Structures are given as C-alpha cells and as structure tokens.
Protein backbone atom coordinates (compact mmCIF):
# COMPACT_ATOMS: atom_id res chain seq x y z
CA MET A 1 131.73 115.77 97.25
CA LYS A 2 131.40 111.97 97.57
CA GLY A 3 128.32 112.00 95.34
CA THR A 4 130.19 113.81 92.60
CA ILE A 5 133.06 111.31 92.76
CA VAL A 6 130.63 108.38 92.65
CA ILE A 7 128.88 109.83 89.59
CA LEU A 8 132.22 110.50 87.89
CA LEU A 9 133.56 106.99 88.51
CA THR A 10 130.29 105.36 87.48
CA SER A 11 130.24 107.41 84.28
CA LEU A 12 133.84 106.46 83.50
CA TYR A 13 133.03 102.79 84.06
CA LEU A 14 129.90 102.89 81.90
CA LEU A 15 131.64 104.70 79.06
CA GLY A 16 134.71 102.48 79.18
CA ALA A 17 133.39 99.01 79.92
CA THR A 18 130.02 99.02 78.15
CA GLU A 19 128.53 100.26 74.91
CA ALA A 20 127.22 103.39 76.64
CA TYR A 21 129.90 105.44 74.85
CA GLN A 22 127.70 105.06 71.77
CA LEU A 23 125.31 107.56 73.35
CA LEU A 24 127.95 110.22 72.76
CA LYS A 25 127.29 109.76 69.02
CA VAL A 26 123.61 110.81 69.30
CA PRO A 27 124.28 114.39 68.05
CA TYR A 28 125.75 112.88 64.88
CA LEU A 29 122.49 110.94 64.44
CA PHE A 30 120.50 114.20 64.26
CA GLU A 31 123.10 115.77 61.96
CA HIS A 32 122.89 112.80 59.60
CA TYR A 33 119.08 113.02 59.70
CA LYS A 34 119.25 116.67 58.64
CA THR A 35 121.52 115.68 55.75
CA HIS A 36 118.97 113.09 54.61
CA GLN A 37 116.17 115.65 54.94
CA GLN A 38 117.92 117.92 52.45
CA PHE A 39 117.53 115.23 49.79
CA ASP A 40 114.06 114.00 50.85
CA LYS A 41 111.86 116.70 52.41
CA GLY A 42 109.11 114.24 53.40
CA LEU A 43 111.42 111.97 55.41
CA SER A 44 110.22 111.56 58.99
CA PHE A 45 112.57 110.71 61.85
CA SER A 46 110.89 107.33 62.39
CA LYS A 47 111.35 106.44 58.71
CA PHE A 48 115.00 107.53 58.99
CA ILE A 49 115.52 105.22 62.02
CA ASP A 50 113.74 102.39 60.22
CA MET A 51 115.89 102.87 57.14
CA HIS A 52 119.19 102.90 59.04
CA TYR A 53 118.59 100.37 61.82
CA PHE A 54 115.84 97.91 60.87
CA GLN A 55 116.23 97.37 57.13
CA ASN A 56 119.07 95.53 55.45
CA GLN A 57 122.24 97.60 55.20
CA THR A 58 122.89 98.91 51.70
CA TYR A 59 126.37 99.80 50.53
CA ASP A 60 125.62 103.23 49.04
CA LYS A 61 127.68 106.40 48.81
CA ASP A 62 127.07 107.36 52.47
CA TYR A 63 127.85 103.92 53.91
CA GLN A 64 130.83 105.23 55.91
CA GLN A 65 128.65 107.95 57.43
CA ASP A 66 125.96 105.37 58.27
CA MET A 67 128.52 103.31 60.16
CA GLN A 68 129.35 106.30 62.38
CA LEU A 69 125.78 106.37 63.75
CA PRO A 70 125.26 105.19 67.32
CA PHE A 71 125.00 101.41 67.79
CA LYS A 72 125.82 100.66 64.14
CA SER A 73 129.34 99.40 64.76
CA SER A 74 131.35 98.48 67.79
CA ASN A 75 135.01 98.97 68.59
CA ARG A 76 134.86 96.29 71.25
CA THR A 77 135.58 92.62 70.78
CA ILE A 78 132.94 91.63 73.34
CA SER A 79 129.83 93.74 73.22
CA LEU A 80 127.41 93.78 76.14
CA LEU A 81 124.70 95.49 74.12
CA ASN A 82 124.55 94.60 70.45
CA PHE A 83 121.83 96.80 68.97
CA VAL A 84 121.81 95.07 65.60
CA THR A 85 121.08 91.59 66.94
CA LEU A 86 118.57 92.93 69.42
CA PHE A 87 116.04 93.59 66.68
CA THR A 88 116.59 90.68 64.34
CA PRO A 89 113.41 88.78 63.50
CA LYS A 90 112.84 85.77 65.67
CA GLN A 91 112.77 82.39 63.99
CA GLN A 92 109.45 80.68 64.28
CA ILE A 93 109.27 76.93 64.62
CA ALA A 94 106.23 75.37 63.04
CA THR A 95 104.91 72.32 64.84
CA THR A 96 103.78 69.48 62.62
CA ILE A 97 101.33 66.90 63.90
CA PHE A 98 101.92 63.60 62.15
CA PHE A 99 99.12 61.65 63.81
CA ALA A 100 96.58 62.23 66.53
CA SER A 101 95.50 59.60 69.02
CA ASN A 102 93.05 59.67 71.90
CA LYS A 103 94.32 56.39 73.39
CA ALA A 104 95.75 56.68 76.92
CA TYR A 105 98.99 54.82 77.55
CA LEU A 106 99.89 53.57 81.03
CA LEU A 107 103.39 54.78 81.82
CA PHE A 108 103.49 54.08 85.55
CA ASP A 109 101.48 51.57 87.54
CA ASP A 110 100.82 53.15 90.96
CA GLU A 111 99.36 50.03 92.56
CA LYS A 112 102.35 47.75 92.04
CA HIS A 113 105.12 50.22 92.85
CA ALA A 114 106.73 49.46 96.24
CA SER A 115 107.91 52.99 97.08
CA LEU A 116 104.32 54.25 97.13
CA ASN A 117 103.34 51.79 99.88
CA HIS A 118 104.46 53.85 102.89
CA GLY A 119 101.85 52.57 105.32
CA ASN A 120 103.98 49.73 106.70
CA ILE A 121 107.29 51.66 106.87
CA PHE A 122 106.52 54.29 109.52
CA GLN A 123 105.32 52.44 112.64
CA PRO A 124 105.85 53.17 116.33
CA PRO A 125 108.65 51.30 118.09
CA ARG A 126 107.69 47.99 119.72
CA ALA A 127 108.85 46.82 123.06
C-alpha cells in the first residue's frame, strides 16, 4: 500500500512541477504523424520528427496542430526541460592567432623570492 501511495505522489509531483506532463501528449504525436502520412506516403517517422522539432518552424496551415505536439510549447513560466533549446546548434568560437613566438618570458623568479626559502624558518628550539 505504501509503494502505491509513493508512486502516486511522485507521479503527481512530476506531472505538476515539471514538464513531464508533455509525455501525455505522445499519442497525439502519432496521430499527427498518421495525418502527415496521408499526404506524403514516403514520410518516415524520423523525417517527421526532424521536420517538426529540428528544422525552423514554418507558419503553415497546420501550425496550431504542430504546437500541440509534445515539447513544442510550454504552459509554464519557468521550464525545467526546454526541448527546443536543448537541440539548438552550439556556437563555435574560432581562435585567431595574431603572432607566434618561441621566446620564453620569466614571470616569476624562484631564486629571489623569500617565501620559497623555508630552510631557515623551521628549526628546533634552542636552549
């Protein structure tokens, strides 16, 4: 009995506080795929996912139906899992080398630094 209550409360929390409620829209995803297959017989499921989730959103006649797909829109103001921004292309930073030099510069002189001369600090007590 306790296990059932734990599963129920965990499910309620996940559906209410996170974007897990979007998983309840998965049957609509397959229904929308079947609708697209009626117009294009050669449409594979992977091409359908690519068209709806990874390409730029087009404002066509079924735009409202596209927005009802799972993880396409959120009713929350703060989203813990934002599917759209998860797969945006990463910006690449190109490094530019202006000049190359093999000369070594001395940044720290070990011999003249007082804190490195520990030999005379730790000595046994004298009587």
